[in-house]
């Protein structure tokens, strides 16, 4: 096995990772769970003459679980659903993608 893929698998089962379910845009939820690493970095945005701190959600998804995560797809962790936003960025080794998401009702 590729040592990079083996190390990535360890990270995706470590604390801070979650089991999730992926629903492609316009499709049905896939029955098999995937693993994600969810980050919540805050970012500052300008609003008028002030800076506002906005909470964000970022998901790292293994390519072996979802080859090409798409904008508009849904990632569900437990009962909480997130709509994927923007374009997925692939890591240097081509083993995972990172994409933003917004919680939906």
Protein backbone atom coordinates (compact mmCIF):
# COMPACT_ATOMS: atom_id res chain seq x y z
CA UNK A 1 0.00 0.00 0.00
CA UNK A 2 1.13 3.55 -0.72
CA UNK A 3 2.63 4.97 2.52
CA UNK A 4 0.87 8.31 1.95
CA UNK A 5 -2.52 6.60 1.56
CA UNK A 6 -1.87 4.49 4.69
CA UNK A 7 -1.00 7.60 6.72
CA UNK A 8 -4.08 9.39 5.39
CA UNK A 9 -6.30 6.47 6.44
CA UNK A 10 -4.97 6.80 10.00
CA UNK A 11 -5.87 10.50 10.03
CA UNK A 12 -9.39 9.85 8.76
CA UNK A 13 -10.08 7.45 11.65
CA UNK A 14 -8.42 9.59 14.34
CA UNK A 15 -10.17 11.95 16.77
CA UNK A 16 -11.45 14.95 14.84
CA UNK A 17 -12.77 12.85 11.98
CA UNK A 18 -16.37 11.82 11.45
CA UNK A 19 -18.46 9.23 9.69
CA UNK A 20 -20.62 11.01 7.11
CA UNK A 21 -23.00 10.28 4.27
CA UNK A 22 -22.65 11.88 0.84
CA UNK A 23 -25.52 12.89 -1.43
CA UNK A 24 -24.49 13.98 -4.94
CA UNK A 25 -26.21 17.08 -6.29
CA UNK A 26 -29.59 15.98 -7.65
CA UNK A 27 -29.11 12.38 -6.50
CA UNK A 28 -29.91 10.06 -3.62
CA UNK A 29 -27.84 9.69 -0.47
CA UNK A 30 -25.19 7.01 -0.92
CA UNK A 31 -25.84 4.07 1.43
CA UNK A 32 -22.20 3.54 2.44
CA UNK A 33 -20.64 6.00 4.88
CA UNK A 34 -17.54 8.01 4.05
CA UNK A 35 -14.96 9.52 6.41
CA UNK A 36 -14.43 13.29 6.63
CA UNK A 37 -12.24 15.63 8.61
CA UNK A 38 -14.27 18.71 9.44
CA UNK A 39 -12.57 21.99 10.21
CA UNK A 40 -14.24 25.15 11.45
CA UNK A 41 -11.78 27.97 10.86
CA UNK A 42 -13.12 31.45 11.53
CA UNK A 43 -12.43 34.17 9.01
CA UNK A 44 -12.73 37.92 9.14
CA UNK A 45 -14.81 39.70 6.53
CA UNK A 46 -15.28 43.39 6.03
CA UNK A 47 -18.75 44.74 6.67
CA UNK A 48 -19.05 48.47 6.23
CA UNK A 49 -16.25 49.97 8.30
CA UNK A 50 -16.05 46.98 10.65
CA UNK A 51 -14.60 43.50 10.65
CA UNK A 52 -16.98 40.61 11.36
CA UNK A 53 -15.80 37.12 12.31
CA UNK A 54 -17.68 34.49 10.31
CA UNK A 55 -17.71 30.80 11.20
CA UNK A 56 -16.98 28.46 8.32
CA UNK A 57 -17.02 24.72 7.69
CA UNK A 58 -14.35 22.97 5.65
CA UNK A 59 -14.39 19.27 4.81
CA UNK A 60 -11.50 17.07 3.80
CA UNK A 61 -12.77 14.02 1.92
CA UNK A 62 -10.70 11.05 0.74
CA UNK A 63 -10.66 10.57 -3.03
CA UNK A 64 -11.21 6.84 -2.38
CA UNK A 65 -14.60 7.76 -0.83
CA UNK A 66 -15.71 10.52 -3.24
CA UNK A 67 -13.59 10.96 -6.36
CA UNK A 68 -14.81 14.50 -7.13
CA UNK A 69 -16.91 16.26 -4.46
CA UNK A 70 -19.23 18.70 -6.24
CA UNK A 71 -20.66 22.08 -5.33
CA UNK A 72 -24.27 21.59 -4.26
CA UNK A 73 -23.78 18.05 -2.92
CA UNK A 74 -24.75 17.31 0.69
CA UNK A 75 -22.58 15.86 3.46
CA UNK A 76 -24.56 14.61 6.45
CA UNK A 77 -22.90 14.05 9.82
CA UNK A 78 -25.45 12.52 12.17
CA UNK A 79 -28.59 14.60 11.71
CA UNK A 80 -26.72 17.74 10.58
CA UNK A 81 -26.55 18.44 6.84
CA UNK A 82 -24.03 20.63 5.01
CA UNK A 83 -24.28 21.85 1.43
CA UNK A 84 -20.89 21.88 -0.29
CA UNK A 85 -19.80 25.25 -1.65
CA UNK A 86 -17.12 26.33 -4.08
CA UNK A 87 -14.70 24.09 -5.91
CA UNK A 88 -12.89 21.18 -4.29
CA UNK A 89 -9.11 21.52 -4.02
CA UNK A 90 -7.02 18.36 -4.32
CA UNK A 91 -3.95 17.77 -2.14
CA UNK A 92 -0.46 17.42 -3.63
CA UNK A 93 -0.55 13.62 -3.56
CA UNK A 94 -4.05 13.49 -5.11
CA UNK A 95 -5.45 11.50 -2.18
CA UNK A 96 -7.99 13.93 -0.73
CA UNK A 97 -10.09 16.97 -1.57
CA UNK A 98 -10.90 19.98 0.58
CA UNK A 99 -14.17 21.85 0.07
CA UNK A 100 -16.23 24.34 2.06
CA UNK A 101 -19.75 23.77 3.28
CA UNK A 102 -22.67 25.58 4.87
CA UNK A 103 -25.12 24.03 7.33
CA UNK A 104 -28.63 23.60 5.92
CA UNK A 105 -31.94 23.01 7.66
